Amino acid sequence: GLRYDTLKQVATSYTVSNVATTFEPPNVLTPRLGLVFRPWRTVTFYGTYGEAFRPDTSGRPIFGSTEKLAPETGILKEVGAKTDFFDSRVSVNVALYAIYKENIVSSDPVHTGFIVQDGQQRSKGYEVSFNLDPTRNLTLFGGYNHVNAKVTIDPQRTSTLGVLLPNTPRNSYQLWAKYSVRDGRLKGLGFGLGVQYVDERKGRTNTTNIIPEYTVYNAQANYAWRAYRFNVYVANLFDK
């Protein structure tokens, strides 16, 4: 696939003689590529590559310059496998990915109120998810994600080099168990209990603030009657 981006922005200043300025960055064509290979009926491998392009229209100023900000660009690379066994009673998905972003905007460390744009960020990691039906009534599903997301280039603020990205936990997982009554007078009734863990996260890139890890439990009950389905969901069951 191909994506074509074109942009025209007209901005009028009512404090400078109502002068209108036009901003038209170069048009850009970005590719998206994917490949799927299924050597066996129950196993599928895939790979994908994509590029991102997002022009800046905020008009934020760089000290001593009237130039517009360059567009933020990115690259995604991902490979993985999807499996499905025993008539879909067991399925496992695995993915490895890397995301690169350039022309990152950050605050100017020298001139208050201005910005600089020359950073690069990189996120690499993997994730595993599964779905398991050990019995006709019971379903288990969940997943685990590990990501190493950090600043790889920031010439204006060398102190942030190698620093983890804000609000991005290294590790997180969730696990759910759901039970459904399929026979008898309570047919259509179901219950579920889940646990979710999020690792500690960094606050803003240029601070030492750390958001602590947490584990919360969630619960739900549902009832299916004819063409209707009723559901009650409680997030953070123990109010942590």
Protein backbone atom coordinates (compact mmCIF):
# COMPACT_ATOMS: atom_id res chain seq x y z
CA GLY A 1 0.00 0.00 0.00
CA LEU A 2 0.93 3.65 -0.48
CA ARG A 3 -0.21 6.73 1.41
CA TYR A 4 -0.07 10.20 -0.14
CA ASP A 5 0.01 13.28 2.12
CA THR A 6 -0.54 16.85 1.01
CA LEU A 7 -1.12 19.89 3.20
CA LYS A 8 -1.94 23.57 2.80
CA GLN A 9 -2.32 25.79 5.85
CA VAL A 10 -3.32 29.46 5.77
CA ALA A 11 -2.79 31.44 8.99
CA THR A 12 -3.86 35.03 9.51
CA SER A 13 -2.42 37.26 12.22
CA TYR A 14 -4.88 39.87 13.50
CA THR A 15 -2.09 41.69 15.34
CA VAL A 16 0.10 42.28 12.27
CA SER A 17 -2.05 44.07 9.68
CA ASN A 18 -4.24 40.99 9.17
CA VAL A 19 -1.48 39.41 7.10
CA ALA A 20 -2.15 35.87 5.87
CA THR A 21 0.73 33.41 5.47
CA THR A 22 0.54 30.13 3.60
CA PHE A 23 2.38 26.98 4.58
CA GLU A 24 2.67 24.15 2.06
CA PRO A 25 5.23 21.47 2.92
CA PRO A 26 6.36 19.08 0.18
CA ASN A 27 3.93 16.31 -0.71
CA VAL A 28 5.03 12.92 0.60
CA LEU A 29 4.43 9.33 -0.48
CA THR A 30 4.96 6.71 2.25
CA PRO A 31 4.88 2.92 1.78
CA ARG A 32 3.27 0.15 3.80
CA LEU A 33 4.36 -3.40 3.10
CA GLY A 34 3.11 -6.70 4.49
CA LEU A 35 3.83 -10.38 3.94
CA VAL A 36 1.86 -13.36 5.27
CA PHE A 37 3.12 -16.95 5.06
CA ARG A 38 1.03 -19.92 6.18
CA PRO A 39 3.13 -23.10 5.96
CA TRP A 40 0.60 -25.13 7.97
CA ARG A 41 -3.12 -24.78 8.54
CA THR A 42 -2.62 -23.90 12.22
CA VAL A 43 0.41 -21.59 11.97
CA THR A 44 0.80 -18.25 10.21
CA PHE A 45 3.91 -16.06 10.05
CA TYR A 46 3.82 -12.41 9.07
CA GLY A 47 6.07 -9.39 8.60
CA THR A 48 5.22 -5.74 8.12
CA TYR A 49 7.00 -2.49 7.36
CA GLY A 50 5.50 0.99 7.39
CA GLU A 51 6.54 4.63 7.36
CA ALA A 52 4.76 7.50 9.09
CA PHE A 53 4.64 11.19 8.23
CA ARG A 54 3.02 13.94 10.28
CA PRO A 55 3.59 17.61 9.45
CA ASP A 56 3.52 20.13 12.28
CA THR A 57 0.85 22.83 12.02
CA SER A 58 1.12 24.34 15.50
CA GLY A 59 3.37 27.23 14.51
CA ARG A 60 5.56 26.76 17.59
CA PRO A 61 8.70 28.91 17.33
CA ILE A 62 12.38 27.94 17.19
CA PHE A 63 14.54 30.67 18.72
CA GLY A 64 16.17 32.87 16.10
CA SER A 65 14.38 31.24 13.17
CA THR A 66 11.19 31.79 11.18
CA GLU A 67 11.30 28.37 9.55
CA LYS A 68 8.44 25.95 10.00
CA LEU A 69 9.03 22.73 11.89
CA ALA A 70 10.01 19.70 9.85
CA PRO A 71 7.47 16.86 9.80
CA GLU A 72 7.75 14.10 12.37
CA THR A 73 8.62 10.85 10.63
CA GLY A 74 8.61 7.26 11.79
CA ILE A 75 9.34 3.69 10.76
CA LEU A 76 7.65 0.51 12.01
CA LYS A 77 9.10 -2.99 11.61
CA GLU A 78 7.27 -6.02 12.96
CA VAL A 79 7.39 -9.79 12.60
CA GLY A 80 5.25 -12.35 14.32
CA ALA A 81 3.39 -15.62 14.34
CA LYS A 82 -0.22 -16.59 14.98
CA THR A 83 -1.22 -20.11 15.94
CA ASP A 84 -4.57 -21.86 16.28
CA PHE A 85 -4.87 -25.45 17.57
CA PHE A 86 -7.53 -27.99 18.60
CA ASP A 87 -10.42 -26.41 16.71
CA SER A 88 -9.54 -22.93 18.04
CA ARG A 89 -9.53 -24.03 21.67
CA VAL A 90 -5.87 -22.95 21.96
CA SER A 91 -4.36 -19.93 20.22
CA VAL A 92 -1.07 -18.11 20.82
CA ASN A 93 0.19 -14.96 19.09
CA VAL A 94 3.77 -13.64 19.26
CA ALA A 95 5.07 -10.34 17.87
CA LEU A 96 8.47 -8.58 17.82
CA TYR A 97 8.55 -4.93 16.82
CA ALA A 98 10.70 -1.84 16.53
CA ILE A 99 9.47 1.74 16.09
CA TYR A 100 11.70 4.70 15.25
CA LYS A 101 10.57 8.34 15.36
CA GLU A 102 12.60 11.35 14.21
CA ASN A 103 12.29 15.14 14.32
CA ILE A 104 10.97 14.95 17.86
CA VAL A 105 9.96 18.33 19.31
CA SER A 106 11.12 19.21 22.84
CA SER A 107 11.40 22.37 24.92
CA ASP A 108 14.41 24.61 24.37
CA PRO A 109 16.76 24.14 27.36
CA VAL A 110 18.23 27.64 26.89
CA HIS A 111 15.38 29.86 25.68
CA THR A 112 12.19 29.62 27.72
CA GLY A 113 9.03 29.45 25.64
CA PHE A 114 10.80 28.15 22.53
CA ILE A 115 11.31 24.63 21.20
CA VAL A 116 14.01 22.59 19.47
CA GLN A 117 13.52 19.81 16.95
CA ASP A 118 16.26 17.29 16.38
CA GLY A 119 15.47 14.33 18.58
CA GLN A 120 15.01 10.65 17.87
CA GLN A 121 13.13 8.00 19.85
CA ARG A 122 13.25 4.22 19.56
CA SER A 123 10.88 1.58 20.93
CA LYS A 124 11.76 -2.11 20.70
CA GLY A 125 9.93 -4.97 22.28
CA TYR A 126 7.80 -8.07 22.03
CA GLU A 127 4.37 -9.22 23.08
CA VAL A 128 2.69 -12.57 23.63
CA SER A 129 -1.05 -13.15 23.85
CA PHE A 130 -3.06 -16.34 24.26
CA ASN A 131 -6.58 -17.71 24.40
CA LEU A 132 -7.32 -21.08 26.02
CA ASP A 133 -10.58 -23.03 26.44
CA PRO A 134 -9.70 -25.90 28.82
CA THR A 135 -13.37 -26.82 29.22
CA ARG A 136 -16.64 -26.02 27.50
CA ASN A 137 -17.50 -23.50 30.19
CA LEU A 138 -14.13 -21.94 31.04
CA THR A 139 -12.03 -19.50 28.98
CA LEU A 140 -8.60 -18.14 29.90
CA PHE A 141 -6.95 -15.33 27.96
CA GLY A 142 -4.33 -12.65 28.46
CA GLY A 143 -1.04 -11.30 27.32
CA TYR A 144 2.39 -9.96 28.22
CA ASN A 145 4.21 -6.99 26.71
CA HIS A 146 7.84 -5.90 27.11
CA VAL A 147 9.10 -2.68 25.56
CA ASN A 148 12.36 -0.74 25.76
CA ALA A 149 11.44 2.78 24.67
CA LYS A 150 14.06 5.50 25.03
CA VAL A 151 15.57 8.66 23.61
CA THR A 152 18.40 7.78 21.20
CA ILE A 153 19.31 11.26 19.88
CA ASP A 154 18.85 14.65 21.58
CA PRO A 155 21.81 16.98 20.86
CA GLN A 156 20.21 19.93 22.63
CA ARG A 157 19.66 18.02 25.88
CA THR A 158 22.35 15.38 26.28
CA SER A 159 21.09 14.57 29.77
CA THR A 160 18.05 12.86 28.24
CA LEU A 161 20.11 10.55 25.99
CA GLY A 162 19.18 6.96 26.78
CA VAL A 163 16.36 8.05 29.09
CA LEU A 164 13.17 5.99 28.97
CA LEU A 165 10.16 7.58 27.31
CA PRO A 166 7.45 9.03 29.58
CA ASN A 167 4.48 6.89 30.61
CA THR A 168 5.87 3.76 28.94
CA PRO A 169 6.20 0.72 31.24
CA ARG A 170 8.86 -1.86 30.44
CA ASN A 171 6.58 -4.72 31.45
CA SER A 172 2.83 -5.16 31.57
CA TYR A 173 0.46 -8.09 31.52
CA GLN A 174 -3.15 -9.05 31.99
CA LEU A 175 -4.86 -12.36 32.68
CA TRP A 176 -8.58 -13.11 32.58
CA ALA A 177 -10.69 -16.13 33.50
CA LYS A 178 -14.32 -16.32 32.38
CA TYR A 179 -16.88 -18.96 33.25
CA SER A 180 -20.16 -19.41 31.36
CA VAL A 181 -23.14 -21.53 32.37
CA ARG A 182 -24.32 -23.34 29.24
CA ASP A 183 -26.93 -25.73 30.66
CA GLY A 184 -29.67 -25.80 33.28
CA ARG A 185 -31.79 -23.07 34.81
CA LEU A 186 -28.85 -20.64 34.98
CA LYS A 187 -27.99 -21.01 31.30
CA GLY A 188 -26.73 -17.72 29.87
CA LEU A 189 -25.12 -16.53 33.11
CA GLY A 190 -21.38 -15.78 33.16
CA PHE A 191 -18.69 -14.50 35.50
CA GLY A 192 -15.19 -13.17 34.95
CA LEU A 193 -12.17 -12.14 37.01
CA GLY A 194 -9.02 -10.48 35.71
CA VAL A 195 -5.72 -9.10 36.94
CA GLN A 196 -3.66 -6.37 35.31
CA TYR A 197 -0.07 -5.37 36.10
CA VAL A 198 1.76 -2.25 34.88
CA ASP A 199 5.46 -1.72 35.62
CA GLU A 200 6.83 1.56 36.93
CA ARG A 201 6.99 4.38 34.37
CA LYS A 202 9.01 7.50 33.98
CA GLY A 203 7.37 10.90 34.23
CA ARG A 204 8.45 13.72 31.94
CA THR A 205 11.70 13.06 30.08
CA ASN A 206 13.61 15.92 31.69
CA THR A 207 12.67 15.00 35.28
CA THR A 208 13.47 12.19 37.74
CA ASN A 209 9.81 11.59 38.53
CA ILE A 210 8.84 7.89 38.59
CA ILE A 211 5.24 6.63 38.49
CA PRO A 212 5.15 3.46 40.63
CA GLU A 213 4.05 0.04 39.46
CA TYR A 214 0.58 -1.25 40.26
CA THR A 215 -1.59 -4.35 40.13
CA VAL A 216 -5.36 -4.11 39.92
CA TYR A 217 -8.17 -6.66 39.74
CA ASN A 218 -11.28 -6.39 37.60
CA ALA A 219 -14.51 -8.37 37.65
CA GLN A 220 -17.58 -8.78 35.50
CA ALA A 221 -20.87 -10.64 35.39
CA ASN A 222 -23.07 -11.07 32.35
CA TYR A 223 -26.35 -12.66 31.35
CA ALA A 224 -27.54 -13.54 27.85
CA TRP A 225 -31.29 -13.76 27.25
CA ARG A 226 -32.68 -14.24 23.76
CA ALA A 227 -31.21 -11.48 21.58
CA TYR A 228 -30.12 -9.40 24.59
CA ARG A 229 -26.96 -9.39 26.67
CA PHE A 230 -26.58 -7.66 30.03
CA ASN A 231 -23.17 -6.94 31.53
CA VAL A 232 -21.87 -5.49 34.79
CA TYR A 233 -18.18 -4.57 34.90
CA VAL A 234 -16.20 -3.41 37.94
CA ALA A 235 -12.75 -1.92 37.24
CA ASN A 236 -10.19 -1.85 40.07
CA LEU A 237 -12.23 -4.18 42.26
CA PHE A 238 -10.32 -3.43 45.48
CA ASP A 239 -10.13 0.32 44.90
CA LYS A 240 -6.33 0.45 44.77
